[in-house]
Amino acid sequence: MIQWTSGEIAIGGLPEVLFPLSLLMTRGETMGKKSDGKVLAQNKKASHDYFIEDTYEAGMVLTGTEIKSIRNGRANIGDAFATIRNGEIHIHNMHISPFEQGNRNNPTDPTRTRKLLLHKEQIRKLLGLSKQDGYAIVPLKIYIRNGYAKLLLGLGKGKRQYDKRADAAKKDAQRDIQRALREKQKIAR
């Protein structure tokens, strides 16, 4: 839908002219993309299984139908993991459902290996840190930034069973504290 606005520009002898609002915008400015910044897929198991020490934003090499499926929220990174080979970083087991309206004659594999786009320094740093014992490169979430799909990678150190139990106990204690505070505020009113 085109939004129109009036201007005080005299064009062709007319004192006021209606023209599309999009013409007034500067380059790179949009009329409000609805999916910009919205998390489209999230790996909830990552924070349960790993201590996330550092995060990196990576671009993804995708086909046209894959980006359409991601924008529709049809991606899953629950079982995904990243590897570094030959100075390039790839993500495996990221499932992107096929787009219904497109590419029916030549469909792509939903779990194919996809290349990620990072700076060489970041890849070298990730390679050095991930080779340490207990560290892994974990995909955390997929979101859209400036019209491009981005993948947030985390450098995670694997949690042991007692770490997971301690985290669960900490969450329970925090929940009890919040519940007690809410009840105290109800009584005070």
Protein backbone atom coordinates (compact mmCIF):
# COMPACT_ATOMS: atom_id res chain seq x y z
CA MET A 1 0.00 0.00 0.00
CA ILE A 2 1.41 3.38 -0.96
CA GLN A 3 1.24 6.10 1.67
CA TRP A 4 0.70 9.58 0.25
CA THR A 5 1.61 12.91 1.76
CA SER A 6 1.21 16.49 0.64
CA GLY A 7 4.15 18.77 0.01
CA GLU A 8 4.70 22.47 -0.41
CA ILE A 9 6.62 21.92 -3.64
CA ALA A 10 5.21 23.76 -6.62
CA ILE A 11 5.29 21.35 -9.56
CA GLY A 12 3.68 22.43 -12.82
CA GLY A 13 2.20 25.57 -11.28
CA LEU A 14 0.24 23.69 -8.62
CA PRO A 15 0.77 24.97 -5.07
CA GLU A 16 0.37 21.57 -3.43
CA VAL A 17 1.11 18.14 -4.87
CA LEU A 18 0.46 14.66 -3.52
CA PHE A 19 3.33 12.20 -3.93
CA PRO A 20 4.37 8.86 -2.40
CA LEU A 21 5.92 9.07 1.06
CA SER A 22 8.61 6.59 0.01
CA LEU A 23 10.11 9.26 -2.28
CA LEU A 24 10.87 11.42 0.76
CA MET A 25 12.92 8.75 2.48
CA THR A 26 16.68 8.63 2.32
CA ARG A 27 18.52 5.67 0.88
CA GLY A 28 18.48 2.64 3.20
CA GLU A 29 15.50 3.92 5.16
CA THR A 30 12.44 1.69 5.01
CA MET A 31 8.79 2.18 5.74
CA GLY A 32 8.94 -0.26 8.65
CA LYS A 33 9.84 -3.83 7.84
CA LYS A 34 7.82 -6.00 10.16
CA SER A 35 10.38 -8.78 10.48
CA ASP A 36 13.45 -6.57 11.09
CA GLY A 37 15.13 -7.56 14.37
CA LYS A 38 12.55 -10.24 15.14
CA VAL A 39 13.90 -13.60 16.29
CA LEU A 40 12.71 -16.18 13.77
CA ALA A 41 14.31 -19.32 15.25
CA GLN A 42 15.99 -19.94 18.59
CA ASN A 43 18.05 -22.76 20.08
CA LYS A 44 16.65 -23.02 23.60
CA LYS A 45 18.77 -26.06 24.46
CA ALA A 46 21.99 -24.07 23.95
CA SER A 47 21.78 -22.14 27.24
CA HIS A 48 20.85 -25.37 29.02
CA ASP A 49 23.75 -27.39 27.62
CA TYR A 50 26.50 -24.75 27.33
CA PHE A 51 28.01 -21.78 29.13
CA ILE A 52 27.98 -19.20 26.31
CA GLU A 53 31.18 -17.17 26.62
CA ASP A 54 31.19 -15.12 23.40
CA THR A 55 28.80 -14.44 20.52
CA TYR A 56 29.34 -13.69 16.83
CA GLU A 57 26.88 -12.49 14.19
CA ALA A 58 27.23 -14.39 10.92
CA GLY A 59 25.55 -14.02 7.56
CA MET A 60 24.26 -17.10 5.75
CA VAL A 61 24.54 -18.16 2.11
CA LEU A 62 20.95 -19.11 1.23
CA THR A 63 18.80 -19.68 -1.83
CA GLY A 64 15.81 -17.45 -2.56
CA THR A 65 13.26 -19.98 -1.35
CA GLU A 66 15.22 -20.62 1.86
CA ILE A 67 15.13 -16.95 2.87
CA LYS A 68 11.38 -16.88 2.20
CA SER A 69 10.91 -19.90 4.47
CA ILE A 70 13.05 -18.29 7.19
CA ARG A 71 10.97 -15.09 7.00
CA ASN A 72 7.87 -17.28 7.49
CA GLY A 73 9.47 -18.74 10.64
CA ARG A 74 10.00 -22.21 9.16
CA ALA A 75 13.57 -22.80 10.33
CA ASN A 76 14.84 -25.01 13.15
CA ILE A 77 18.33 -24.85 14.68
CA GLY A 78 17.75 -27.20 17.61
CA ASP A 79 20.09 -29.92 16.30
CA ALA A 80 22.43 -27.64 14.35
CA PHE A 81 26.18 -27.31 14.88
CA ALA A 82 28.99 -25.41 13.17
CA THR A 83 32.35 -26.64 11.89
CA ILE A 84 35.39 -24.90 10.44
CA ARG A 85 37.10 -26.42 7.38
CA ASN A 86 39.60 -24.83 4.99
CA GLY A 87 39.20 -21.40 6.57
CA GLU A 88 35.42 -21.44 6.08
CA ILE A 89 32.70 -21.97 8.64
CA HIS A 90 29.69 -24.16 7.81
CA ILE A 91 26.50 -25.00 9.67
CA HIS A 92 25.15 -28.56 9.61
CA ASN A 93 21.68 -29.95 10.45
CA MET A 94 19.93 -26.57 10.30
CA HIS A 95 16.49 -27.47 8.99
CA ILE A 96 14.76 -24.98 6.68
CA SER A 97 11.41 -26.25 5.43
CA PRO A 98 10.87 -25.96 1.66
CA PHE A 99 8.90 -22.91 0.55
CA GLU A 100 5.47 -24.03 -0.67
CA GLN A 101 5.16 -21.73 -3.69
CA GLY A 102 8.67 -21.95 -5.06
CA ASN A 103 11.21 -24.20 -6.76
CA ARG A 104 9.03 -27.29 -7.05
CA ASN A 105 11.03 -28.77 -9.93
CA ASN A 106 14.42 -28.51 -8.22
CA PRO A 107 13.90 -28.61 -4.44
CA THR A 108 16.85 -28.17 -2.08
CA ASP A 109 17.67 -30.50 0.79
CA PRO A 110 16.16 -28.99 3.98
CA THR A 111 19.19 -29.97 6.10
CA ARG A 112 21.96 -29.24 3.61
CA THR A 113 25.26 -27.80 4.83
CA ARG A 114 25.25 -24.00 4.49
CA LYS A 115 28.21 -21.65 4.42
CA LEU A 116 28.36 -18.86 7.03
CA LEU A 117 29.88 -15.45 6.40
CA LEU A 118 32.33 -14.15 9.02
CA HIS A 119 35.52 -12.10 8.86
CA LYS A 120 38.73 -14.13 8.60
CA GLU A 121 39.94 -12.87 12.01
CA GLN A 122 36.72 -14.04 13.63
CA ILE A 123 37.03 -17.45 11.98
CA ARG A 124 40.66 -17.78 13.14
CA LYS A 125 39.68 -16.77 16.68
CA LEU A 126 36.78 -19.25 16.72
CA LEU A 127 39.03 -21.99 15.34
CA GLY A 128 41.61 -21.47 18.08
CA LEU A 129 39.06 -21.30 20.89
CA SER A 130 36.90 -24.20 19.67
CA LYS A 131 39.90 -26.55 19.55
CA GLN A 132 40.21 -26.25 23.33
CA ASP A 133 38.76 -29.15 25.27
CA GLY A 134 35.03 -28.85 25.97
CA TYR A 135 34.32 -25.89 23.64
CA ALA A 136 31.91 -25.88 20.72
CA ILE A 137 30.47 -23.40 18.23
CA VAL A 138 26.73 -23.34 18.91
CA PRO A 139 24.02 -21.59 16.83
CA LEU A 140 21.84 -19.52 19.16
CA LYS A 141 19.22 -17.74 17.04
CA ILE A 142 18.24 -16.61 13.55
CA TYR A 143 16.96 -13.08 12.99
CA ILE A 144 16.66 -10.48 10.22
CA ARG A 145 18.88 -7.38 10.22
CA ASN A 146 18.61 -4.80 7.42
CA GLY A 147 16.81 -7.31 5.24
CA TYR A 148 19.43 -10.05 5.62
CA ALA A 149 19.09 -13.26 7.63
CA LYS A 150 21.70 -13.44 10.38
CA LEU A 151 22.72 -16.32 12.62
CA LEU A 152 24.01 -15.61 16.11
CA LEU A 153 26.78 -18.08 16.94
CA GLY A 154 27.98 -18.67 20.46
CA LEU A 155 31.26 -20.06 21.69
CA GLY A 156 30.08 -22.43 24.39
CA LYS A 157 31.77 -24.58 27.00
CA GLY A 158 29.79 -27.74 27.68
CA LYS A 159 28.01 -27.98 31.02
CA ARG A 160 28.40 -31.02 33.18
CA GLN A 161 25.44 -32.67 34.91
CA TYR A 162 26.12 -30.95 38.24
CA ASP A 163 26.26 -27.56 36.47
CA LYS A 164 22.81 -28.19 35.00
CA ARG A 165 21.44 -29.17 38.42
CA ALA A 166 22.92 -26.03 40.00
CA ASP A 167 21.35 -23.86 37.30
CA ALA A 168 17.95 -25.52 37.82
CA ALA A 169 18.18 -24.94 41.58
CA LYS A 170 19.14 -21.31 41.00
CA LYS A 171 16.14 -20.79 38.68
CA ASP A 172 13.79 -22.39 41.22
CA ALA A 173 15.11 -20.13 43.98
CA GLN A 174 14.72 -17.04 41.79
CA ARG A 175 11.16 -18.07 40.89
CA ASP A 176 10.29 -18.52 44.58
CA ILE A 177 11.70 -15.08 45.41
CA GLN A 178 9.67 -13.44 42.63
CA ARG A 179 6.52 -15.26 43.75
CA ALA A 180 7.03 -14.11 47.36
CA LEU A 181 7.55 -10.51 46.24
CA ARG A 182 4.35 -10.55 44.16
CA GLU A 183 2.35 -11.95 47.09
CA LYS A 184 3.82 -9.32 49.41
CA GLN A 185 2.82 -6.56 46.97
CA LYS A 186 -0.73 -7.97 46.75
CA ILE A 187 -1.08 -7.93 50.53
CA ALA A 188 0.28 -4.37 50.79
CA ARG A 189 -2.46 -3.03 48.49
